[in-house]
Amino acid sequence: MKLHLVNSYGSYAMERLVNPLRNIEGYEISESTEPRDDVDMNYFIPHHGLAVRKPPGKSVMLYTHTNTNSIGQTEAAIKNADAAVCLSWEGVR
């Protein structure tokens, strides 16, 4: 399986979330700031790029929280996602 990590921030917090995924056995893993069209799954960490467009294949998003001024962006990403990983109770509502 081809897994592409869409790591648009590269901040310390995002690196801590991405790091364990970089060496999953049995997966062909790539990483950049943009999604790829030639992979089985794009994993958006964080979710912002998925709000813009849904690439072919499966799309999974991760979000830690939603700021009040970006609720529309989070909702758009959720609509484009096949699955979402939420690290905030507020995101469950």
PDB file of N, CA and C in Angstrom:
ATOM      1  N   MET A   1       0.845  -1.181   0.000  1.00  0.00           N
ATOM      2  CA  MET A   1       0.000   0.000   0.000  1.00  0.00           C
ATOM      3  C   MET A   1       0.884   1.236   0.000  1.00  0.00           C
ATOM      4  N   LYS A   2       0.494   2.197  -0.804  1.00  0.00           N
ATOM      5  CA  LYS A   2       1.217   3.463  -0.870  1.00  0.00           C
ATOM      6  C   LYS A   2       0.514   4.491   0.017  1.00  0.00           C
ATOM      7  N   LEU A   3       1.223   4.944   1.040  1.00  0.00           N
ATOM      8  CA  LEU A   3       0.706   5.936   1.986  1.00  0.00           C
ATOM      9  C   LEU A   3       1.517   7.204   1.843  1.00  0.00           C
ATOM     10  N   HIS A   4       0.823   8.315   1.643  1.00  0.00           N
ATOM     11  CA  HIS A   4       1.506   9.601   1.517  1.00  0.00           C
ATOM     12  C   HIS A   4       1.107  10.498   2.682  1.00  0.00           C
ATOM     13  N   LEU A   5       2.101  10.979   3.414  1.00  0.00           N
ATOM     14  CA  LEU A   5       1.876  11.881   4.542  1.00  0.00           C
ATOM     15  C   LEU A   5       1.926  13.306   4.040  1.00  0.00           C
ATOM     16  N   VAL A   6       0.818  14.017   4.173  1.00  0.00           N
ATOM     17  CA  VAL A   6       0.747  15.414   3.756  1.00  0.00           C
ATOM     18  C   VAL A   6       0.991  16.247   5.007  1.00  0.00           C
ATOM     19  N   ASN A   7       2.229  16.635   5.192  1.00  0.00           N
ATOM     20  CA  ASN A   7       2.671  17.345   6.398  1.00  0.00           C
ATOM     21  C   ASN A   7       2.915  18.797   6.025  1.00  0.00           C
ATOM     22  N   SER A   8       1.857  19.592   6.046  1.00  0.00           N
ATOM     23  CA  SER A   8       1.950  20.958   5.531  1.00  0.00           C
ATOM     24  C   SER A   8       2.608  21.945   6.490  1.00  0.00           C
ATOM     25  N   TYR A   9       2.699  21.619   7.770  1.00  0.00           N
ATOM     26  CA  TYR A   9       3.267  22.564   8.727  1.00  0.00           C
ATOM     27  C   TYR A   9       4.721  22.300   9.060  1.00  0.00           C
ATOM     28  N   GLY A  10       5.025  21.073   9.438  1.00  0.00           N
ATOM     29  CA  GLY A  10       6.378  20.765   9.862  1.00  0.00           C
ATOM     30  C   GLY A  10       6.725  21.364  11.216  1.00  0.00           C
ATOM     31  N   SER A  11       5.710  21.783  11.962  1.00  0.00           N
ATOM     32  CA  SER A  11       5.949  22.343  13.291  1.00  0.00           C
ATOM     33  C   SER A  11       6.354  21.223  14.245  1.00  0.00           C
ATOM     34  N   TYR A  12       6.864  21.577  15.389  1.00  0.00           N
ATOM     35  CA  TYR A  12       7.278  20.592  16.381  1.00  0.00           C
ATOM     36  C   TYR A  12       6.119  19.668  16.742  1.00  0.00           C
ATOM     37  N   ALA A  13       4.948  20.231  16.974  1.00  0.00           N
ATOM     38  CA  ALA A  13       3.778  19.422  17.342  1.00  0.00           C
ATOM     39  C   ALA A  13       3.387  18.470  16.211  1.00  0.00           C
ATOM     40  N   MET A  14       3.376  18.938  14.979  1.00  0.00           N
ATOM     41  CA  MET A  14       2.999  18.087  13.852  1.00  0.00           C
ATOM     42  C   MET A  14       4.057  17.009  13.612  1.00  0.00           C
ATOM     43  N   GLU A  15       5.316  17.346  13.782  1.00  0.00           N
ATOM     44  CA  GLU A  15       6.383  16.359  13.625  1.00  0.00           C
ATOM     45  C   GLU A  15       6.217  15.216  14.626  1.00  0.00           C
ATOM     46  N   ARG A  16       5.810  15.524  15.835  1.00  0.00           N
ATOM     47  CA  ARG A  16       5.592  14.483  16.840  1.00  0.00           C
ATOM     48  C   ARG A  16       4.456  13.548  16.429  1.00  0.00           C
ATOM     49  N   LEU A  17       3.474  14.061  15.704  1.00  0.00           N
ATOM     50  CA  LEU A  17       2.360  13.231  15.244  1.00  0.00           C
ATOM     51  C   LEU A  17       2.722  12.416  14.001  1.00  0.00           C
ATOM     52  N   VAL A  18       3.569  12.980  13.156  1.00  0.00           N
ATOM     53  CA  VAL A  18       3.954  12.323  11.907  1.00  0.00           C
ATOM     54  C   VAL A  18       5.041  11.279  12.122  1.00  0.00           C
ATOM     55  N   ASN A  19       5.949  11.546  13.017  1.00  0.00           N
ATOM     56  CA  ASN A  19       7.138  10.700  13.196  1.00  0.00           C
ATOM     57  C   ASN A  19       6.842   9.207  13.307  1.00  0.00           C
ATOM     58  N   PRO A  20       5.889   8.766  14.120  1.00  0.00           N
ATOM     59  CA  PRO A  20       5.639   7.323  14.235  1.00  0.00           C
ATOM     60  C   PRO A  20       5.135   6.681  12.935  1.00  0.00           C
ATOM     61  N   LEU A  21       4.613   7.472  12.023  1.00  0.00           N
ATOM     62  CA  LEU A  21       4.047   6.938  10.785  1.00  0.00           C
ATOM     63  C   LEU A  21       5.085   6.772   9.683  1.00  0.00           C
ATOM     64  N   ARG A  22       6.243   7.329   9.861  1.00  0.00           N
ATOM     65  CA  ARG A  22       7.246   7.355   8.793  1.00  0.00           C
ATOM     66  C   ARG A  22       7.851   5.994   8.467  1.00  0.00           C
ATOM     67  N   ASN A  23       7.756   5.048   9.361  1.00  0.00           N
ATOM     68  CA  ASN A  23       8.406   3.755   9.145  1.00  0.00           C
ATOM     69  C   ASN A  23       7.486   2.572   9.402  1.00  0.00           C
ATOM     70  N   ILE A  24       6.255   2.657   8.975  1.00  0.00           N
ATOM     71  CA  ILE A  24       5.321   1.548   9.156  1.00  0.00           C
ATOM     72  C   ILE A  24       5.716   0.418   8.201  1.00  0.00           C
ATOM     73  N   GLU A  25       5.940  -0.758   8.755  1.00  0.00           N
ATOM     74  CA  GLU A  25       6.334  -1.895   7.925  1.00  0.00           C
ATOM     75  C   GLU A  25       5.217  -2.294   6.974  1.00  0.00           C
ATOM     76  N   GLY A  26       5.612  -2.652   5.756  1.00  0.00           N
ATOM     77  CA  GLY A  26       4.658  -3.118   4.766  1.00  0.00           C
ATOM     78  C   GLY A  26       4.016  -2.015   3.945  1.00  0.00           C
ATOM     79  N   TYR A  27       4.332  -0.791   4.234  1.00  0.00           N
ATOM     80  CA  TYR A  27       3.788   0.344   3.487  1.00  0.00           C
ATOM     81  C   TYR A  27       4.905   1.046   2.734  1.00  0.00           C
ATOM     82  N   GLU A  28       4.591   1.531   1.560  1.00  0.00           N
ATOM     83  CA  GLU A  28       5.492   2.406   0.825  1.00  0.00           C
ATOM     84  C   GLU A  28       5.090   3.831   1.211  1.00  0.00           C
ATOM     85  N   ILE A  29       5.944   4.498   1.980  1.00  0.00           N
ATOM     86  CA  ILE A  29       5.577   5.787   2.561  1.00  0.00           C
ATOM     87  C   ILE A  29       6.363   6.917   1.908  1.00  0.00           C
ATOM     88  N   SER A  30       5.632   7.952   1.541  1.00  0.00           N
ATOM     89  CA  SER A  30       6.242   9.175   1.026  1.00  0.00           C
ATOM     90  C   SER A  30       5.688  10.340   1.838  1.00  0.00           C
ATOM     91  N   GLU A  31       6.301  11.504   1.664  1.00  0.00           N
ATOM     92  CA  GLU A  31       5.885  12.672   2.453  1.00  0.00           C
ATOM     93  C   GLU A  31       6.222  13.954   1.712  1.00  0.00           C
ATOM     94  N   SER A  32       5.311  14.905   1.767  1.00  0.00           N
ATOM     95  CA  SER A  32       5.547  16.252   1.239  1.00  0.00           C
ATOM     96  C   SER A  32       4.476  17.177   1.803  1.00  0.00           C
ATOM     97  N   THR A  33       4.493  18.408   1.362  1.00  0.00           N
ATOM     98  CA  THR A  33       3.498  19.376   1.823  1.00  0.00           C
ATOM     99  C   THR A  33       2.222  19.343   0.985  1.00  0.00           C
ATOM    100  N   GLU A  34       2.224  18.596  -0.113  1.00  0.00           N
ATOM    101  CA  GLU A  34       1.064  18.519  -1.009  1.00  0.00           C
ATOM    102  C   GLU A  34       0.622  17.070  -1.174  1.00  0.00           C
ATOM    103  N   PRO A  35      -0.680  16.836  -1.419  1.00  0.00           N
ATOM    104  CA  PRO A  35      -1.147  15.465  -1.654  1.00  0.00           C
ATOM    105  C   PRO A  35      -0.638  14.930  -2.989  1.00  0.00           C
ATOM    106  N   ARG A  36      -0.652  13.615  -3.119  1.00  0.00           N
ATOM    107  CA  ARG A  36      -0.269  12.959  -4.367  1.00  0.00           C
ATOM    108  C   ARG A  36      -1.467  12.229  -4.944  1.00  0.00           C
ATOM    109  N   ASP A  37      -1.543  12.207  -6.268  1.00  0.00           N
ATOM    110  CA  ASP A  37      -2.650  11.533  -6.944  1.00  0.00           C
ATOM    111  C   ASP A  37      -2.375  10.056  -7.223  1.00  0.00           C
ATOM    112  N   ASP A  38      -1.136   9.613  -7.042  1.00  0.00           N
ATOM    113  CA  ASP A  38      -0.756   8.252  -7.421  1.00  0.00           C
ATOM    114  C   ASP A  38      -0.552   7.313  -6.225  1.00  0.00           C
ATOM    115  N   VAL A  39      -1.198   7.601  -5.103  1.00  0.00           N
ATOM    116  CA  VAL A  39      -1.056   6.772  -3.910  1.00  0.00           C
ATOM    117  C   VAL A  39      -2.419   6.210  -3.509  1.00  0.00           C
ATOM    118  N   ASP A  40      -2.390   5.211  -2.641  1.00  0.00           N
ATOM    119  CA  ASP A  40      -3.636   4.620  -2.160  1.00  0.00           C
ATOM    120  C   ASP A  40      -4.312   5.503  -1.121  1.00  0.00           C
ATOM    121  N   MET A  41      -3.493   6.189  -0.315  1.00  0.00           N
ATOM    122  CA  MET A  41      -4.053   7.028   0.739  1.00  0.00           C
ATOM    123  C   MET A  41      -3.172   8.244   0.995  1.00  0.00           C
ATOM    124  N   ASN A  42      -3.800   9.405   1.082  1.00  0.00           N
ATOM    125  CA  ASN A  42      -3.164  10.627   1.553  1.00  0.00           C
ATOM    126  C   ASN A  42      -3.640  10.850   2.983  1.00  0.00           C
ATOM    127  N   TYR A  43      -2.681  11.036   3.882  1.00  0.00           N
ATOM    128  CA  TYR A  43      -3.008  11.282   5.288  1.00  0.00           C
ATOM    129  C   TYR A  43      -2.602  12.718   5.591  1.00  0.00           C
ATOM    130  N   PHE A  44      -3.586  13.576   5.769  1.00  0.00           N
ATOM    131  CA  PHE A  44      -3.379  15.009   5.959  1.00  0.00           C
ATOM    132  C   PHE A  44      -3.152  15.311   7.434  1.00  0.00           C
ATOM    133  N   ILE A  45      -1.936  15.773   7.758  1.00  0.00           N
ATOM    134  CA  ILE A  45      -1.552  16.099   9.129  1.00  0.00           C
ATOM    135  C   ILE A  45      -0.919  17.483   9.130  1.00  0.00           C
ATOM    136  N   PRO A  46      -1.627  18.542   9.453  1.00  0.00           N
ATOM    137  CA  PRO A  46      -3.035  18.624   9.819  1.00  0.00           C
ATOM    138  C   PRO A  46      -3.942  18.615   8.583  1.00  0.00           C
ATOM    139  N   HIS A  47      -5.194  18.866   8.792  1.00  0.00           N
ATOM    140  CA  HIS A  47      -6.246  18.654   7.793  1.00  0.00           C
ATOM    141  C   HIS A  47      -6.413  19.750   6.754  1.00  0.00           C
ATOM    142  N   HIS A  48      -5.775  20.871   6.876  1.00  0.00           N
ATOM    143  CA  HIS A  48      -6.079  22.063   6.078  1.00  0.00           C
ATOM    144  C   HIS A  48      -6.069  21.841   4.571  1.00  0.00           C
ATOM    145  N   GLY A  49      -5.112  21.095   4.059  1.00  0.00           N
ATOM    146  CA  GLY A  49      -5.040  20.868   2.612  1.00  0.00           C
ATOM    147  C   GLY A  49      -6.219  20.096   2.067  1.00  0.00           C
ATOM    148  N   LEU A  50      -6.830  19.286   2.879  1.00  0.00           N
ATOM    149  CA  LEU A  50      -7.978  18.499   2.431  1.00  0.00           C
ATOM    150  C   LEU A  50      -9.220  19.365   2.255  1.00  0.00           C
ATOM    151  N   ALA A  51      -9.236  20.539   2.854  1.00  0.00           N
ATOM    152  CA  ALA A  51     -10.361  21.461   2.672  1.00  0.00           C
ATOM    153  C   ALA A  51     -10.387  22.009   1.253  1.00  0.00           C
ATOM    154  N   VAL A  52      -9.236  22.024   0.587  1.00  0.00           N
ATOM    155  CA  VAL A  52      -9.113  22.607  -0.754  1.00  0.00           C
ATOM    156  C   VAL A  52      -9.591  21.649  -1.832  1.00  0.00           C
ATOM    157  N   ARG A  53      -9.147  20.391  -1.754  1.00  0.00           N
ATOM    158  CA  ARG A  53      -9.561  19.397  -2.756  1.00  0.00           C
ATOM    159  C   ARG A  53      -9.355  18.000  -2.214  1.00  0.00           C
ATOM    160  N   LYS A  54     -10.146  17.069  -2.756  1.00  0.00           N
ATOM    161  CA  LYS A  54      -9.993  15.659  -2.411  1.00  0.00           C
ATOM    162  C   LYS A  54      -9.232  14.986  -3.546  1.00  0.00           C
ATOM    163  N   PRO A  55      -8.021  14.494  -3.273  1.00  0.00           N
ATOM    164  CA  PRO A  55      -7.280  13.786  -4.313  1.00  0.00           C
ATOM    165  C   PRO A  55      -7.871  12.396  -4.539  1.00  0.00           C
ATOM    166  N   PRO A  56      -7.502  11.727  -5.642  1.00  0.00           N
ATOM    167  CA  PRO A  56      -7.965  10.356  -5.858  1.00  0.00           C
ATOM    168  C   PRO A  56      -7.501   9.443  -4.720  1.00  0.00           C
ATOM    169  N   GLY A  57      -8.148   8.319  -4.572  1.00  0.00           N
ATOM    170  CA  GLY A  57      -7.793   7.390  -3.498  1.00  0.00           C
ATOM    171  C   GLY A  57      -8.429   7.816  -2.194  1.00  0.00           C
ATOM    172  N   LYS A  58      -8.040   7.171  -1.136  1.00  0.00           N
ATOM    173  CA  LYS A  58      -8.579   7.475   0.186  1.00  0.00           C
ATOM    174  C   LYS A  58      -7.868   8.675   0.792  1.00  0.00           C
ATOM    175  N   SER A  59      -8.603   9.435   1.577  1.00  0.00           N
ATOM    176  CA  SER A  59      -8.049  10.588   2.289  1.00  0.00           C
ATOM    177  C   SER A  59      -8.442  10.505   3.757  1.00  0.00           C
ATOM    178  N   VAL A  60      -7.430  10.567   4.598  1.00  0.00           N
ATOM    179  CA  VAL A  60      -7.634  10.571   6.041  1.00  0.00           C
ATOM    180  C   VAL A  60      -7.104  11.889   6.560  1.00  0.00           C
ATOM    181  N   MET A  61      -7.792  12.457   7.529  1.00  0.00           N
ATOM    182  CA  MET A  61      -7.350  13.741   8.088  1.00  0.00           C
ATOM    183  C   MET A  61      -7.162  13.627   9.589  1.00  0.00           C
ATOM    184  N   LEU A  62      -6.256  14.423  10.102  1.00  0.00           N
ATOM    185  CA  LEU A  62      -6.041  14.528  11.530  1.00  0.00           C
ATOM    186  C   LEU A  62      -6.223  15.990  11.915  1.00  0.00           C
ATOM    187  N   TYR A  63      -6.961  16.200  12.986  1.00  0.00           N
ATOM    188  CA  TYR A  63      -6.986  17.556  13.524  1.00  0.00           C
ATOM    189  C   TYR A  63      -6.940  17.517  15.030  1.00  0.00           C
ATOM    190  N   THR A  64      -6.282  18.529  15.560  1.00  0.00           N
ATOM    191  CA  THR A  64      -6.093  18.608  17.001  1.00  0.00           C
ATOM    192  C   THR A  64      -7.153  19.474  17.654  1.00  0.00           C
ATOM    193  N   HIS A  65      -7.647  20.452  16.919  1.00  0.00           N
ATOM    194  CA  HIS A  65      -8.668  21.372  17.420  1.00  0.00           C
ATOM    195  C   HIS A  65      -9.157  22.202  16.242  1.00  0.00           C
ATOM    196  N   THR A  66     -10.223  22.919  16.439  1.00  0.00           N
ATOM    197  CA  THR A  66     -10.739  23.826  15.416  1.00  0.00           C
ATOM    198  C   THR A  66     -10.883  25.206  16.016  1.00  0.00           C
ATOM    199  N   ASN A  67     -10.213  26.163  15.419  1.00  0.00           N
ATOM    200  CA  ASN A  67     -10.361  27.551  15.854  1.00  0.00           C
ATOM    201  C   ASN A  67     -11.697  28.093  15.359  1.00  0.00           C
ATOM    202  N   THR A  68     -12.293  28.991  16.113  1.00  0.00           N
ATOM    203  CA  THR A  68     -13.615  29.509  15.736  1.00  0.00           C
ATOM    204  C   THR A  68     -13.600  30.204  14.380  1.00  0.00           C
ATOM    205  N   ASN A  69     -12.475  30.764  13.978  1.00  0.00           N
ATOM    206  CA  ASN A  69     -12.415  31.454  12.683  1.00  0.00           C
ATOM    207  C   ASN A  69     -12.136  30.500  11.517  1.00  0.00           C
ATOM    208  N   SER A  70     -11.987  29.201  11.786  1.00  0.00           N
ATOM    209  CA  SER A  70     -11.718  28.260  10.692  1.00  0.00           C
ATOM    210  C   SER A  70     -12.657  27.054  10.700  1.00  0.00           C
ATOM    211  N   ILE A  71     -13.829  27.218  11.274  1.00  0.00           N
ATOM    212  CA  ILE A  71     -14.796  26.122  11.323  1.00  0.00           C
ATOM    213  C   ILE A  71     -15.204  25.694   9.915  1.00  0.00           C
ATOM    214  N   GLY A  72     -15.396  26.632   9.020  1.00  0.00           N
ATOM    215  CA  GLY A  72     -15.766  26.309   7.639  1.00  0.00           C
ATOM    216  C   GLY A  72     -14.706  25.468   6.955  1.00  0.00           C
ATOM    217  N   GLN A  73     -13.449  25.769   7.205  1.00  0.00           N
ATOM    218  CA  GLN A  73     -12.351  25.002   6.623  1.00  0.00           C
ATOM    219  C   GLN A  73     -12.359  23.565   7.154  1.00  0.00           C
ATOM    220  N   THR A  74     -12.580  23.414   8.433  1.00  0.00           N
ATOM    221  CA  THR A  74     -12.630  22.071   9.028  1.00  0.00           C
ATOM    222  C   THR A  74     -13.823  21.286   8.473  1.00  0.00           C
ATOM    223  N   GLU A  75     -14.958  21.929   8.340  1.00  0.00           N
ATOM    224  CA  GLU A  75     -16.142  21.255   7.786  1.00  0.00           C
ATOM    225  C   GLU A  75     -15.903  20.811   6.348  1.00  0.00           C
ATOM    226  N   ALA A  76     -15.239  21.651   5.555  1.00  0.00           N
ATOM    227  CA  ALA A  76     -14.921  21.284   4.169  1.00  0.00           C
ATOM    228  C   ALA A  76     -13.979  20.085   4.127  1.00  0.00           C
ATOM    229  N   ALA A  77     -12.989  20.066   5.007  1.00  0.00           N
ATOM    230  CA  ALA A  77     -12.054  18.932   5.064  1.00  0.00           C
ATOM    231  C   ALA A  77     -12.788  17.654   5.458  1.00  0.00           C
ATOM    232  N   ILE A  78     -13.692  17.748   6.422  1.00  0.00           N
ATOM    233  CA  ILE A  78     -14.453  16.572   6.855  1.00  0.00           C
ATOM    234  C   ILE A  78     -15.282  16.010   5.703  1.00  0.00           C
ATOM    235  N   LYS A  79     -15.880  16.879   4.897  1.00  0.00           N
ATOM    236  CA  LYS A  79     -16.670  16.424   3.746  1.00  0.00           C
ATOM    237  C   LYS A  79     -15.800  15.680   2.735  1.00  0.00           C
ATOM    238  N   ASN A  80     -14.533  16.079   2.602  1.00  0.00           N
ATOM    239  CA  ASN A  80     -13.627  15.442   1.643  1.00  0.00           C
ATOM    240  C   ASN A  80     -12.930  14.212   2.205  1.00  0.00           C
ATOM    241  N   ALA A  81     -13.001  14.003   3.504  1.00  0.00           N
ATOM    242  CA  ALA A  81     -12.274  12.906   4.156  1.00  0.00           C
ATOM    243  C   ALA A  81     -13.053  11.604   4.115  1.00  0.00           C
ATOM    244  N   ASP A  82     -12.330  10.519   3.950  1.00  0.00           N
ATOM    245  CA  ASP A  82     -12.921   9.197   4.102  1.00  0.00           C
ATOM    246  C   ASP A  82     -12.923   8.783   5.568  1.00  0.00           C
ATOM    247  N   ALA A  83     -12.000   9.357   6.334  1.00  0.00           N
ATOM    248  CA  ALA A  83     -11.919   9.097   7.772  1.00  0.00           C
ATOM    249  C   ALA A  83     -11.236  10.291   8.435  1.00  0.00           C
ATOM    250  N   ALA A  84     -11.525  10.485   9.715  1.00  0.00           N
ATOM    251  CA  ALA A  84     -10.922  11.594  10.455  1.00  0.00           C
ATOM    252  C   ALA A  84     -10.447  11.098  11.814  1.00  0.00           C
ATOM    253  N   VAL A  85      -9.293  11.600  12.211  1.00  0.00           N
ATOM    254  CA  VAL A  85      -8.752  11.335  13.542  1.00  0.00           C
ATOM    255  C   VAL A  85      -8.800  12.653  14.279  1.00  0.00           C
ATOM    256  N   CYS A  86      -9.512  12.682  15.396  1.00  0.00           N
ATOM    257  CA  CYS A  86      -9.697  13.909  16.156  1.00  0.00           C
ATOM    258  C   CYS A  86      -9.028  13.775  17.516  1.00  0.00           C
ATOM    259  N   LEU A  87      -8.245  14.766  17.883  1.00  0.00           N
ATOM    260  CA  LEU A  87      -7.569  14.746  19.174  1.00  0.00           C
ATOM    261  C   LEU A  87      -8.203  15.706  20.176  1.00  0.00           C
ATOM    262  N   SER A  88      -9.421  16.156  19.866  1.00  0.00           N
ATOM    263  CA  SER A  88     -10.092  17.102  20.723  1.00  0.00           C
ATOM    264  C   SER A  88     -11.544  16.674  20.936  1.00  0.00           C
ATOM    265  N   TRP A  89     -11.998  16.701  22.158  1.00  0.00           N
ATOM    266  CA  TRP A  89     -13.383  16.381  22.437  1.00  0.00           C
ATOM    267  C   TRP A  89     -14.322  17.334  21.706  1.00  0.00           C
ATOM    268  N   GLU A  90     -13.908  18.578  21.550  1.00  0.00           N
ATOM    269  CA  GLU A  90     -14.732  19.576  20.860  1.00  0.00           C
ATOM    270  C   GLU A  90     -15.009  19.162  19.422  1.00  0.00           C
ATOM    271  N   GLY A  91     -14.098  18.416  18.803  1.00  0.00           N
ATOM    272  CA  GLY A  91     -14.298  17.981  17.431  1.00  0.00           C
ATOM    273  C   GLY A  91     -15.340  16.903  17.278  1.00  0.00           C
ATOM    274  N   VAL A  92     -15.774  16.309  18.373  1.00  0.00           N
ATOM    275  CA  VAL A  92     -16.752  15.225  18.330  1.00  0.00           C
ATOM    276  C   VAL A  92     -18.163  15.767  18.106  1.00  0.00           C
ATOM    277  N   ARG A  93     -18.403  16.987  18.496  1.00  0.00           N
ATOM    278  CA  ARG A  93     -19.761  17.547  18.421  1.00  0.00           C
ATOM    279  C   ARG A  93     -20.282  17.648  17.027  1.00  0.00           C
TER     280      ARG A  93
END
